Structures are given as C-alpha cells and as structure tokens.
Amino acid sequence: MTRTKRAVYAAVAASAIATSFAVAAATPAMAIPACRDGYQCTYTWYTDADKTSVSGGMTIFCDGTQDRFGTQTSYLTFSTAQCND
C-alpha cells in the first residue's frame, strides 16, 4: 500500500471516529422526573418501547423513604399521588 493510500485511509478513519464521538456527545441523556414535596412518586422502567415487560421500578414514599428493584432503562413511566398530610 502506498503512503498516499495509507494517509487517505488514516484520514477517513480519524474523521469517522471524530464524527461518532460528536454524535454520541450530542445525544441528550433522558432526565428522570423529580418527585415533588407532598407527593408519592412511582417510576417504572420497561425493557422496550412497547412497555410490555417491566425491567425495574422505584417508589419514593411520602415520608421520603425509597423502594427500588431491577434495572433502569430508557423506557419509563412516571406517576404521582398526593400525600395526605
């Protein structure tokens, strides 16, 4: 392989790597909704977008304690219930 071909291949590879890092860095992380004071909050994570199989969950109770299990994923439902004071 000639020096010119190697230089072209190296430049193309470097460009592809730089582009993939730029795309990955530009992808926003999914924010988990905050649980407001005076509410019990339930987070349920699913294995896929169809939300047919639960992978994990978390409940933040009115007294501030938490119960969690399983694995967090990108597929989330979030619900709240107002606490009785």
C-alpha atoms as a PDB file:
ATOM      1  CA  MET A   1       0.000   0.000   0.000  1.00  0.00           C
ATOM      2  CA  THR A   2       1.400   3.389  -0.914  1.00  0.00           C
ATOM      3  CA  ARG A   3       1.937   6.202   1.541  1.00  0.00           C
ATOM      4  CA  THR A   4      -0.813   8.238  -0.121  1.00  0.00           C
ATOM      5  CA  LYS A   5      -3.382   5.445   0.269  1.00  0.00           C
ATOM      6  CA  ARG A   6      -2.375   4.934   3.907  1.00  0.00           C
ATOM      7  CA  ALA A   7      -2.706   8.641   4.575  1.00  0.00           C
ATOM      8  CA  VAL A   8      -6.159   8.725   2.949  1.00  0.00           C
ATOM      9  CA  TYR A   9      -7.332   5.671   4.929  1.00  0.00           C
ATOM     10  CA  ALA A  10      -5.989   7.169   8.160  1.00  0.00           C
ATOM     11  CA  ALA A  11      -7.741  10.479   7.483  1.00  0.00           C
ATOM     12  CA  VAL A  12     -11.048   8.749   6.698  1.00  0.00           C
ATOM     13  CA  ALA A  13     -10.792   6.593   9.834  1.00  0.00           C
ATOM     14  CA  ALA A  14      -9.959   9.594  12.023  1.00  0.00           C
ATOM     15  CA  SER A  15     -12.868  11.542  10.563  1.00  0.00           C
ATOM     16  CA  ALA A  16     -15.292   8.666  11.170  1.00  0.00           C
ATOM     17  CA  ILE A  17     -14.141   8.302  14.772  1.00  0.00           C
ATOM     18  CA  ALA A  18     -14.422  12.043  15.417  1.00  0.00           C
ATOM     19  CA  THR A  19     -17.919  12.108  13.900  1.00  0.00           C
ATOM     20  CA  SER A  20     -19.095   9.188  16.041  1.00  0.00           C
ATOM     21  CA  PHE A  21     -17.846  10.921  19.212  1.00  0.00           C
ATOM     22  CA  ALA A  22     -19.573  14.165  18.207  1.00  0.00           C
ATOM     23  CA  VAL A  23     -22.867  12.350  17.614  1.00  0.00           C
ATOM     24  CA  ALA A  24     -22.608  10.469  20.916  1.00  0.00           C
ATOM     25  CA  ALA A  25     -21.824  13.667  22.809  1.00  0.00           C
ATOM     26  CA  ALA A  26     -24.767  15.485  21.209  1.00  0.00           C
ATOM     27  CA  THR A  27     -27.288  12.825  22.272  1.00  0.00           C
ATOM     28  CA  PRO A  28     -29.111  14.134  25.356  1.00  0.00           C
ATOM     29  CA  ALA A  29     -29.478  11.938  28.410  1.00  0.00           C
ATOM     30  CA  MET A  30     -33.040  11.166  29.390  1.00  0.00           C
ATOM     31  CA  ALA A  31     -33.922  13.116  32.526  1.00  0.00           C
ATOM     32  CA  ILE A  32     -35.777  11.336  35.304  1.00  0.00           C
ATOM     33  CA  PRO A  33     -38.679  13.477  36.552  1.00  0.00           C
ATOM     34  CA  ALA A  34     -38.195  14.853  40.052  1.00  0.00           C
ATOM     35  CA  CYS A  35     -40.603  13.873  42.811  1.00  0.00           C
ATOM     36  CA  ARG A  36     -42.202  17.000  44.281  1.00  0.00           C
ATOM     37  CA  ASP A  37     -42.649  17.503  48.010  1.00  0.00           C
ATOM     38  CA  GLY A  38     -46.029  16.281  49.218  1.00  0.00           C
ATOM     39  CA  TYR A  39     -46.283  13.521  46.597  1.00  0.00           C
ATOM     40  CA  GLN A  40     -45.573   9.814  46.387  1.00  0.00           C
ATOM     41  CA  CYS A  41     -43.886   9.025  43.073  1.00  0.00           C
ATOM     42  CA  THR A  42     -43.654   5.750  41.197  1.00  0.00           C
ATOM     43  CA  TYR A  43     -41.163   5.162  38.390  1.00  0.00           C
ATOM     44  CA  THR A  44     -41.478   2.027  36.259  1.00  0.00           C
ATOM     45  CA  TRP A  45     -38.840   1.076  33.687  1.00  0.00           C
ATOM     46  CA  TYR A  46     -39.557  -1.314  30.818  1.00  0.00           C
ATOM     47  CA  THR A  47     -37.369  -3.460  28.575  1.00  0.00           C
ATOM     48  CA  ASP A  48     -38.605  -1.867  25.327  1.00  0.00           C
ATOM     49  CA  ALA A  49     -40.711   0.924  23.834  1.00  0.00           C
ATOM     50  CA  ASP A  50     -43.861  -1.236  23.843  1.00  0.00           C
ATOM     51  CA  LYS A  51     -43.711  -1.216  27.664  1.00  0.00           C
ATOM     52  CA  THR A  52     -44.956  -4.776  27.982  1.00  0.00           C
ATOM     53  CA  SER A  53     -42.216  -6.147  30.252  1.00  0.00           C
ATOM     54  CA  VAL A  54     -41.042  -4.386  33.426  1.00  0.00           C
ATOM     55  CA  SER A  55     -37.276  -4.240  33.978  1.00  0.00           C
ATOM     56  CA  GLY A  56     -37.272  -2.232  37.210  1.00  0.00           C
ATOM     57  CA  GLY A  57     -39.030   0.280  39.386  1.00  0.00           C
ATOM     58  CA  MET A  58     -38.744   2.762  42.203  1.00  0.00           C
ATOM     59  CA  THR A  59     -41.238   4.312  44.598  1.00  0.00           C
ATOM     60  CA  ILE A  60     -40.476   7.381  46.687  1.00  0.00           C
ATOM     61  CA  PHE A  61     -42.924   7.363  49.577  1.00  0.00           C
ATOM     62  CA  CYS A  62     -44.454  10.367  51.334  1.00  0.00           C
ATOM     63  CA  ASP A  63     -42.003  10.046  54.248  1.00  0.00           C
ATOM     64  CA  GLY A  64     -39.039  10.222  51.829  1.00  0.00           C
ATOM     65  CA  THR A  65     -38.064   6.565  52.006  1.00  0.00           C
ATOM     66  CA  GLN A  66     -37.490   4.656  48.780  1.00  0.00           C
ATOM     67  CA  ASP A  67     -38.027   1.150  47.496  1.00  0.00           C
ATOM     68  CA  ARG A  68     -36.345   0.116  44.250  1.00  0.00           C
ATOM     69  CA  PHE A  69     -35.725  -3.039  42.249  1.00  0.00           C
ATOM     70  CA  GLY A  70     -34.372  -4.176  38.892  1.00  0.00           C
ATOM     71  CA  THR A  71     -32.729  -2.146  36.148  1.00  0.00           C
ATOM     72  CA  GLN A  72     -33.313   1.352  34.802  1.00  0.00           C
ATOM     73  CA  THR A  73     -33.756   1.691  31.028  1.00  0.00           C
ATOM     74  CA  SER A  74     -34.743   4.443  28.591  1.00  0.00           C
ATOM     75  CA  TYR A  75     -38.400   3.344  28.675  1.00  0.00           C
ATOM     76  CA  LEU A  76     -40.031   4.991  31.684  1.00  0.00           C
ATOM     77  CA  THR A  77     -43.489   5.701  33.034  1.00  0.00           C
ATOM     78  CA  PHE A  78     -43.896   8.088  35.945  1.00  0.00           C
ATOM     79  CA  SER A  79     -46.908   8.574  38.186  1.00  0.00           C
ATOM     80  CA  THR A  80     -47.659  10.597  41.302  1.00  0.00           C
ATOM     81  CA  ALA A  81     -50.194  10.568  44.112  1.00  0.00           C
ATOM     82  CA  GLN A  82     -50.684  13.439  46.529  1.00  0.00           C
ATOM     83  CA  CYS A  83     -49.809  12.611  50.128  1.00  0.00           C
ATOM     84  CA  ASN A  84     -52.374  13.046  52.901  1.00  0.00           C
ATOM     85  CA  ASP A  85     -50.857  15.424  55.441  1.00  0.00           C
END
